[in-house]
Amino acid sequence: MKKDNTDTQVTKAQEGELINLRPSEIQAHPTIKFLEENGIFPIGSADIDKMTQSVASMGYLQPIVVTNIDGTYYRIIGRRRTMVAEKLGMTVPCYVRDFATDDDIIEAWKTENFVRAHYTTIQMLKETEKIQHIWSRRTKNRVEKAQKCCPEMQKLIEKGVFQMRTDEDIIGSIGALPVEIQKAIVSGFENSTVVKTEYKNKIKKVVLDPELKEQIEEQIERIENLQQELAKKEKSVAALKVEKKELEKTLETHGNDSAEIKRLLEVNARNTETQRKELMAKDKEISDLKIQQHKAHEDLIQKIQNIFSKQTKHIYQLATRLTKETDATINLLKDEISGLDQDDPARKEHLLVIQDSLNKAKDAINKKFEAISKVISDNLIKIDKASNN
């Protein structure tokens, strides 16, 4: 990020620092965003207009509070000030602070709003009760999302690779995917060559793609609806079979002279044939949809596989470059050593030691990259197997 008169290089900001950020560089913390979207501490347009006039004439008298998680800045306190900064095209001063839990975040946000709006003790108690009620629903929802994930993904949540505080959307999206795709994603985090944050960001782009989500949800809904229709048709066919047996018994009782019973049996046969044809059509439609669904899953696995492939390519390029640079340095040393005066044995010995170290380093680099490549290759095979299931 470029640095100007007002901007700080945000990636270097630490706990307790005061920095200036553009509103586009700040996201509402998911915890706070959820509560705000559920009507806690609403904001009126008149309130923003009044603050805009004040900031335009006097600037900011107090910074907002943000927290830094994996290089992303999340707003905890200062929604109005951030909205005003966006309206005026300004940066906003931010105090960077760490929070251990969601409860700590809610407490800081709640207290600031109570003080700002001059809440009475009774008002604070009522609002706190409301917040607790809304947040309990959120907690239940988070637990349900985590439980939909495969055991391997749940372990990553327990380890903190994925955090419910900031990764709820991606956890929910991954949990909605077939188990084999989830395992393919998880295998990337078990790969020692993966930069975890970078890999997670790439996976986010894939699984949070709105088109993918819509496609998966639409396919699931269509299949479920068709299966319900299929179940109704199966019941109709079963009912017609029962009806046929009853008609046949009646015919046996009344003899072959019962024309009406024969007519009803013919109607039953026609209805049964119609229902069976519709049943087969629905069954085929479900099969076709499942084939499309499988193809969509294969495409998704391919996207995950491509992340590994690009990493592999990058690693080979890096290994080749390092090897070439090491070879070039060794050759320079050889030339230097061969041109040394015989009366300078100490310098020659020193350069020979460096040359030997470089040769060993070159061997170590080659072995390391061979091992890394094998890990990636094993993961690619694992993903391939997932795509064939």
Protein backbone atom coordinates (compact mmCIF):
# COMPACT_ATOMS: atom_id res chain seq x y z
CA MET A 1 0.00 0.00 0.00
CA LYS A 2 1.26 3.46 -0.90
CA LYS A 3 2.00 5.86 1.85
CA ASP A 4 0.90 9.52 1.70
CA ASN A 5 0.43 12.35 4.17
CA THR A 6 -2.42 10.64 5.98
CA ASP A 7 -1.94 6.92 5.44
CA THR A 8 0.08 4.53 7.56
CA GLN A 9 1.38 1.25 6.19
CA VAL A 10 -1.37 -0.74 7.84
CA THR A 11 0.35 -4.11 7.70
CA LYS A 12 2.91 -2.85 10.26
CA ALA A 13 0.42 -1.43 12.75
CA GLN A 14 0.58 -3.08 16.17
CA GLU A 15 -1.59 -3.11 19.30
CA GLY A 16 -1.87 0.40 20.72
CA GLU A 17 -0.87 2.26 17.55
CA LEU A 18 -2.84 5.17 16.12
CA ILE A 19 -3.15 4.99 12.34
CA ASN A 20 -5.23 6.61 9.59
CA LEU A 21 -7.26 4.37 7.29
CA ARG A 22 -9.60 4.91 4.41
CA PRO A 23 -13.15 3.57 5.04
CA SER A 24 -12.57 1.05 2.21
CA GLU A 25 -9.70 -0.44 4.26
CA ILE A 26 -12.00 -1.15 7.22
CA GLN A 27 -14.61 -3.90 7.54
CA ALA A 28 -17.28 -4.08 10.21
CA HIS A 29 -16.35 -6.87 12.59
CA PRO A 30 -18.78 -9.77 11.93
CA THR A 31 -19.89 -9.77 15.58
CA ILE A 32 -20.71 -6.06 15.52
CA LYS A 33 -22.18 -6.22 12.03
CA PHE A 34 -24.61 -8.94 13.10
CA LEU A 35 -25.85 -6.94 16.10
CA GLU A 36 -26.13 -3.73 14.09
CA GLU A 37 -28.12 -5.52 11.37
CA ASN A 38 -30.50 -6.76 14.08
CA GLY A 39 -31.43 -3.25 15.16
CA ILE A 40 -29.02 -2.64 18.04
CA PHE A 41 -27.99 1.05 18.28
CA PRO A 42 -29.62 2.16 14.98
CA ILE A 43 -28.37 5.24 13.13
CA GLY A 44 -30.58 7.98 11.70
CA SER A 45 -29.73 10.06 8.62
CA ALA A 46 -30.09 13.27 10.66
CA ASP A 47 -27.43 11.96 13.06
CA ILE A 48 -24.98 11.39 10.19
CA ASP A 49 -25.73 14.80 8.63
CA LYS A 50 -25.03 16.53 11.93
CA MET A 51 -21.76 14.65 12.46
CA THR A 52 -20.71 15.30 8.85
CA GLN A 53 -20.99 19.04 9.38
CA SER A 54 -18.99 18.81 12.60
CA VAL A 55 -16.18 16.69 11.10
CA ALA A 56 -16.03 18.88 7.98
CA SER A 57 -15.41 21.96 10.11
CA MET A 58 -13.40 20.57 13.05
CA GLY A 59 -12.04 17.20 11.96
CA TYR A 60 -12.15 14.11 14.18
CA LEU A 61 -11.90 14.72 17.91
CA GLN A 62 -11.66 11.01 18.77
CA PRO A 63 -10.37 7.97 16.84
CA ILE A 64 -12.43 4.87 16.14
CA VAL A 65 -11.33 1.47 17.48
CA VAL A 66 -10.28 -1.31 15.11
CA THR A 67 -8.70 -4.72 15.54
CA ASN A 68 -6.18 -6.34 13.21
CA ILE A 69 -6.85 -9.99 12.31
CA ASP A 70 -4.53 -11.57 9.73
CA GLY A 71 -3.80 -8.18 8.18
CA THR A 72 -7.46 -7.14 7.87
CA TYR A 73 -8.79 -4.24 9.92
CA TYR A 74 -12.19 -4.71 11.54
CA ARG A 75 -14.19 -1.85 13.04
CA ILE A 76 -15.27 -2.34 16.63
CA ILE A 77 -16.23 1.20 17.67
CA GLY A 78 -16.98 4.15 15.37
CA ARG A 79 -19.62 3.22 12.81
CA ARG A 80 -20.86 6.81 12.47
CA ARG A 81 -17.38 8.26 12.13
CA THR A 82 -16.53 5.69 9.46
CA MET A 83 -19.71 6.52 7.52
CA VAL A 84 -18.89 10.24 7.73
CA ALA A 85 -15.33 9.62 6.50
CA GLU A 86 -16.73 7.74 3.52
CA LYS A 87 -19.17 10.56 2.82
CA LEU A 88 -16.45 13.22 2.98
CA GLY A 89 -13.80 11.16 1.17
CA MET A 90 -11.49 11.34 4.20
CA THR A 91 -9.37 8.92 6.16
CA VAL A 92 -10.40 8.19 9.74
CA PRO A 93 -8.00 7.98 12.73
CA CYS A 94 -8.01 4.45 14.17
CA TYR A 95 -6.78 3.10 17.47
CA VAL A 96 -5.60 -0.51 16.99
CA ARG A 97 -6.57 -2.82 19.81
CA ASP A 98 -6.60 -6.59 20.38
CA PHE A 99 -9.64 -8.42 21.78
CA ALA A 100 -9.50 -11.93 23.21
CA THR A 101 -13.16 -12.91 22.75
CA ASP A 102 -16.42 -11.87 21.15
CA ASP A 103 -17.70 -10.98 24.62
CA ASP A 104 -14.85 -8.46 25.00
CA ILE A 105 -15.73 -6.95 21.61
CA ILE A 106 -19.43 -6.67 22.48
CA GLU A 107 -18.63 -5.16 25.89
CA ALA A 108 -16.39 -2.44 24.42
CA TRP A 109 -18.89 -1.62 21.66
CA LYS A 110 -21.85 -1.65 24.03
CA THR A 111 -20.17 0.54 26.66
CA GLU A 112 -19.11 3.15 24.08
CA ASN A 113 -22.68 3.40 22.76
CA PHE A 114 -24.16 3.61 26.25
CA VAL A 115 -21.86 6.52 27.11
CA ARG A 116 -22.36 8.26 23.74
CA ALA A 117 -26.18 8.13 23.94
CA HIS A 118 -26.36 8.84 27.72
CA TYR A 119 -28.32 5.69 28.57
CA THR A 120 -29.92 5.44 32.01
CA THR A 121 -29.29 2.36 34.17
CA ILE A 122 -32.71 0.92 33.29
CA GLN A 123 -32.15 1.54 29.57
CA MET A 124 -28.74 -0.15 29.77
CA LEU A 125 -30.23 -3.23 31.45
CA LYS A 126 -32.99 -3.53 28.83
CA GLU A 127 -30.56 -3.09 25.93
CA THR A 128 -28.10 -5.60 27.44
CA GLU A 129 -30.89 -8.17 27.76
CA LYS A 130 -31.86 -7.57 24.13
CA ILE A 131 -28.23 -7.99 22.98
CA GLN A 132 -27.85 -11.24 24.94
CA HIS A 133 -31.04 -12.65 23.41
CA ILE A 134 -29.95 -11.79 19.84
CA TRP A 135 -26.41 -13.03 20.42
CA SER A 136 -27.61 -16.40 21.77
CA ARG A 137 -29.31 -16.99 18.41
CA ARG A 138 -26.05 -16.16 16.68
CA THR A 139 -24.14 -18.62 18.86
CA LYS A 140 -26.63 -21.40 18.06
CA ASN A 141 -26.37 -20.61 14.36
CA ARG A 142 -22.56 -20.77 14.49
CA VAL A 143 -22.62 -24.13 16.24
CA GLU A 144 -24.98 -25.51 13.57
CA LYS A 145 -22.66 -24.29 10.79
CA ALA A 146 -19.62 -25.88 12.43
CA GLN A 147 -21.47 -29.18 12.97
CA LYS A 148 -22.25 -29.41 9.24
CA CYS A 149 -18.51 -29.49 8.50
CA CYS A 150 -16.61 -32.76 8.19
CA PRO A 151 -14.53 -33.85 11.24
CA GLU A 152 -11.29 -32.76 9.53
CA MET A 153 -12.70 -29.25 8.99
CA GLN A 154 -13.94 -29.13 12.59
CA LYS A 155 -10.39 -29.84 13.76
CA LEU A 156 -9.16 -26.81 11.80
CA ILE A 157 -11.81 -24.71 13.58
CA GLU A 158 -10.64 -26.07 16.96
CA LYS A 159 -7.02 -25.25 16.06
CA GLY A 160 -8.01 -21.68 15.17
CA VAL A 161 -7.09 -21.99 11.47
CA PHE A 162 -10.71 -20.94 10.90
CA GLN A 163 -12.25 -18.65 13.50
CA MET A 164 -15.98 -18.32 14.01
CA ARG A 165 -15.41 -14.64 14.82
CA THR A 166 -14.22 -13.77 11.31
CA ASP A 167 -14.60 -16.86 9.12
CA GLU A 168 -18.24 -17.70 9.75
CA ASP A 169 -19.22 -17.19 6.10
CA ILE A 170 -16.51 -19.47 4.73
CA ILE A 171 -17.20 -22.11 7.41
CA GLY A 172 -20.88 -22.09 6.47
CA SER A 173 -20.08 -22.31 2.75
CA ILE A 174 -17.59 -25.16 3.20
CA GLY A 175 -20.05 -27.01 5.46
CA ALA A 176 -22.63 -26.92 2.65
CA LEU A 177 -20.25 -28.70 0.27
CA PRO A 178 -19.99 -32.49 -0.18
CA VAL A 179 -17.68 -34.16 2.33
CA GLU A 180 -15.06 -35.15 -0.27
CA ILE A 181 -14.71 -31.53 -1.42
CA GLN A 182 -14.37 -30.42 2.21
CA LYS A 183 -11.59 -32.98 2.67
CA ALA A 184 -9.87 -31.74 -0.49
CA ILE A 185 -9.89 -28.20 0.93
CA VAL A 186 -8.66 -29.35 4.35
CA SER A 187 -5.78 -31.29 2.79
CA GLY A 188 -4.32 -27.97 1.61
CA PHE A 189 -3.98 -26.79 5.21
CA GLU A 190 -2.15 -30.01 6.07
CA ASN A 191 0.33 -29.32 3.26
CA SER A 192 3.58 -27.94 4.74
CA THR A 193 4.23 -25.87 1.61
CA VAL A 194 1.03 -23.85 1.87
CA VAL A 195 1.13 -20.33 3.28
CA LYS A 196 -1.99 -20.76 5.40
CA THR A 197 -3.33 -17.19 5.17
CA GLU A 198 -2.72 -16.99 1.43
CA TYR A 199 -4.31 -20.39 0.85
CA LYS A 200 -7.34 -19.47 2.97
CA ASN A 201 -7.85 -16.27 0.98
CA LYS A 202 -7.73 -18.22 -2.28
CA ILE A 203 -10.18 -20.81 -0.98
CA LYS A 204 -12.47 -18.00 0.20
CA LYS A 205 -12.68 -16.62 -3.33
CA VAL A 206 -13.69 -20.05 -4.60
CA VAL A 207 -16.25 -21.16 -1.99
CA LEU A 208 -17.76 -17.70 -1.39
CA ASP A 209 -18.35 -17.13 -5.11
CA PRO A 210 -22.04 -16.01 -5.22
CA GLU A 211 -22.63 -17.87 -8.51
CA LEU A 212 -21.26 -21.11 -7.05
CA LYS A 213 -23.39 -20.74 -3.92
CA GLU A 214 -26.51 -20.02 -5.99
CA GLN A 215 -25.77 -22.96 -8.30
CA ILE A 216 -25.30 -25.41 -5.42
CA GLU A 217 -28.40 -24.18 -3.55
CA GLU A 218 -30.50 -24.28 -6.72
CA GLN A 219 -29.41 -27.84 -7.55
CA ILE A 220 -30.08 -29.06 -4.02
CA GLU A 221 -33.52 -27.39 -3.98
CA ARG A 222 -34.48 -28.81 -7.39
CA ILE A 223 -33.38 -32.31 -6.44
CA GLU A 224 -35.27 -32.12 -3.12
CA ASN A 225 -38.45 -30.89 -4.86
CA LEU A 226 -38.20 -33.64 -7.48
CA GLN A 227 -37.63 -36.27 -4.80
CA GLN A 228 -40.78 -35.07 -3.01
CA GLU A 229 -42.72 -35.28 -6.28
CA LEU A 230 -41.24 -38.74 -6.90
CA ALA A 231 -42.36 -39.88 -3.45
CA LYS A 232 -45.93 -38.69 -4.22
CA LYS A 233 -45.91 -40.57 -7.51
CA GLU A 234 -44.70 -43.73 -5.77
CA LYS A 235 -47.57 -43.42 -3.29
CA SER A 236 -50.03 -42.98 -6.17
CA VAL A 237 -48.71 -46.11 -7.92
CA ALA A 238 -48.90 -48.04 -4.64
CA ALA A 239 -52.50 -46.84 -4.13
CA LEU A 240 -53.43 -47.92 -7.67
CA LYS A 241 -51.98 -51.39 -7.00
CA VAL A 242 -54.16 -51.70 -3.88
CA GLU A 243 -57.16 -50.49 -5.87
CA LYS A 244 -56.47 -53.09 -8.58
CA LYS A 245 -56.37 -55.93 -6.05
CA GLU A 246 -59.67 -54.80 -4.51
CA LEU A 247 -61.28 -54.58 -7.96
CA GLU A 248 -60.00 -58.06 -8.86
CA LYS A 249 -61.50 -59.47 -5.62
CA THR A 250 -64.81 -57.77 -6.37
CA LEU A 251 -64.75 -59.19 -9.90
CA GLU A 252 -64.18 -62.71 -8.53
CA THR A 253 -67.13 -62.26 -6.17
CA HIS A 254 -69.57 -60.96 -8.78
CA GLY A 255 -68.32 -63.08 -11.66
CA ASN A 256 -67.33 -62.18 -15.18
CA ASP A 257 -70.65 -60.44 -15.90
CA SER A 258 -69.62 -57.29 -13.97
CA ALA A 259 -68.93 -54.87 -16.84
CA GLU A 260 -68.51 -51.89 -14.52
CA ILE A 261 -65.73 -53.61 -12.56
CA LYS A 262 -63.96 -54.49 -15.81
CA ARG A 263 -64.21 -50.89 -16.92
CA LEU A 264 -62.75 -49.70 -13.62
CA LEU A 265 -59.89 -52.18 -14.00
CA GLU A 266 -59.12 -50.76 -17.43
CA VAL A 267 -59.14 -47.22 -16.00
CA ASN A 268 -56.87 -48.42 -13.21
CA ALA A 269 -54.46 -49.94 -15.73
CA ARG A 270 -54.33 -46.71 -17.76
CA ASN A 271 -53.79 -44.60 -14.64
CA THR A 272 -51.08 -46.96 -13.42
CA GLU A 273 -49.26 -46.78 -16.75
CA THR A 274 -49.48 -42.95 -16.75
CA GLN A 275 -48.19 -42.72 -13.21
CA ARG A 276 -45.33 -45.13 -13.99
CA LYS A 277 -44.26 -43.08 -17.00
CA GLU A 278 -44.31 -39.91 -14.91
CA LEU A 279 -42.41 -41.76 -12.20
CA MET A 280 -39.70 -42.78 -14.70
CA ALA A 281 -39.52 -39.23 -16.08
CA LYS A 282 -39.04 -37.76 -12.59
CA ASP A 283 -36.44 -40.42 -11.79
CA LYS A 284 -34.52 -39.58 -14.97
CA GLU A 285 -34.74 -35.86 -14.22
CA ILE A 286 -33.24 -36.47 -10.78
CA SER A 287 -30.46 -38.62 -12.31
CA ASP A 288 -29.65 -35.90 -14.85
CA LEU A 289 -29.57 -33.26 -12.14
CA LYS A 290 -27.26 -35.40 -10.02
CA ILE A 291 -24.94 -35.77 -13.01
CA GLN A 292 -24.92 -31.96 -13.37
CA GLN A 293 -24.30 -31.68 -9.63
CA HIS A 294 -21.39 -34.11 -9.86
CA LYS A 295 -19.95 -32.10 -12.76
CA ALA A 296 -20.23 -28.91 -10.70
CA HIS A 297 -18.42 -30.66 -7.83
CA GLU A 298 -15.68 -31.80 -10.23
CA ASP A 299 -15.26 -28.21 -11.44
CA LEU A 300 -14.95 -27.03 -7.85
CA ILE A 301 -12.37 -29.71 -7.04
CA GLN A 302 -10.49 -28.67 -10.19
CA LYS A 303 -10.35 -25.09 -8.92
CA ILE A 304 -8.91 -26.34 -5.63
CA GLN A 305 -6.50 -28.54 -7.56
CA ASN A 306 -5.37 -25.53 -9.60
CA ILE A 307 -4.34 -23.75 -6.40
CA PHE A 308 -1.96 -26.65 -5.67
CA SER A 309 -0.79 -26.76 -9.29
CA LYS A 310 0.11 -23.08 -9.30
CA GLN A 311 1.98 -23.56 -6.05
CA THR A 312 3.86 -26.49 -7.50
CA LYS A 313 4.82 -24.46 -10.56
CA HIS A 314 5.95 -21.58 -8.37
CA ILE A 315 8.05 -23.91 -6.21
CA TYR A 316 9.76 -25.46 -9.25
CA GLN A 317 10.51 -21.99 -10.63
CA LEU A 318 11.93 -20.93 -7.29
CA ALA A 319 14.01 -24.10 -6.99
CA THR A 320 15.38 -23.65 -10.52
CA ARG A 321 16.28 -20.03 -9.90
CA LEU A 322 17.99 -20.79 -6.58
CA THR A 323 19.92 -23.66 -8.17
CA LYS A 324 21.07 -21.46 -11.06
CA GLU A 325 22.09 -18.65 -8.71
CA THR A 326 23.98 -21.12 -6.48
CA ASP A 327 25.74 -22.66 -9.51
CA ALA A 328 26.69 -19.20 -10.75
CA THR A 329 28.16 -18.29 -7.35
CA ILE A 330 30.08 -21.60 -7.17
CA ASN A 331 31.54 -20.99 -10.64
CA LEU A 332 32.59 -17.48 -9.65
CA LEU A 333 34.34 -18.93 -6.61
CA LYS A 334 36.11 -21.52 -8.79
CA ASP A 335 37.40 -18.75 -11.04
CA GLU A 336 38.44 -16.72 -8.03
CA ILE A 337 40.25 -19.68 -6.45
CA SER A 338 42.05 -20.64 -9.67
CA GLY A 339 43.32 -17.08 -10.07
CA LEU A 340 44.63 -16.79 -6.52
CA ASP A 341 48.30 -16.26 -5.83
CA GLN A 342 49.97 -19.36 -4.35
CA ASP A 343 51.31 -17.16 -1.56
CA ASP A 344 47.78 -16.57 -0.18
CA PRO A 345 46.80 -20.04 1.20
CA ALA A 346 44.58 -18.59 3.96
CA ARG A 347 42.34 -16.78 1.47
CA LYS A 348 42.20 -19.89 -0.73
CA GLU A 349 41.22 -22.02 2.28
CA HIS A 350 38.54 -19.53 3.22
CA LEU A 351 37.03 -19.55 -0.30
CA LEU A 352 37.17 -23.36 -0.47
CA VAL A 353 35.14 -23.52 2.77
CA ILE A 354 32.54 -21.15 1.24
CA GLN A 355 32.48 -23.22 -1.95
CA ASP A 356 31.94 -26.42 0.04
CA SER A 357 29.12 -24.77 2.03
CA LEU A 358 27.42 -23.66 -1.18
CA ASN A 359 27.67 -27.18 -2.64
CA LYS A 360 26.04 -28.58 0.49
CA ALA A 361 23.41 -25.84 0.41
CA LYS A 362 22.64 -26.68 -3.20
CA ASP A 363 22.14 -30.36 -2.31
CA ALA A 364 19.98 -29.40 0.66
CA ILE A 365 17.84 -27.11 -1.51
CA ASN A 366 17.31 -29.84 -4.08
CA LYS A 367 16.35 -32.40 -1.43
CA LYS A 368 14.01 -29.96 0.29
CA PHE A 369 12.21 -29.06 -2.92
CA GLU A 370 11.93 -32.72 -3.88
CA ALA A 371 10.25 -33.40 -0.53
CA ILE A 372 7.95 -30.40 -0.92
CA SER A 373 6.99 -31.44 -4.44
CA LYS A 374 6.15 -34.94 -3.18
CA VAL A 375 3.84 -33.51 -0.50
CA ILE A 376 2.03 -31.43 -3.10
CA SER A 377 1.87 -34.37 -5.50
CA ASP A 378 0.35 -36.57 -2.75
CA ASN A 379 -2.28 -33.92 -2.07
CA LEU A 380 -3.11 -33.66 -5.76
CA ILE A 381 -3.63 -37.43 -5.87
CA LYS A 382 -5.87 -37.14 -2.80
CA ILE A 383 -7.97 -34.47 -4.53
CA ASP A 384 -8.11 -36.54 -7.72
CA LYS A 385 -9.53 -39.45 -5.73
CA ALA A 386 -12.13 -37.11 -4.22
CA SER A 387 -13.21 -36.01 -7.69
CA ASN A 388 -13.73 -39.61 -8.79
CA ASN A 389 -15.95 -40.54 -5.84
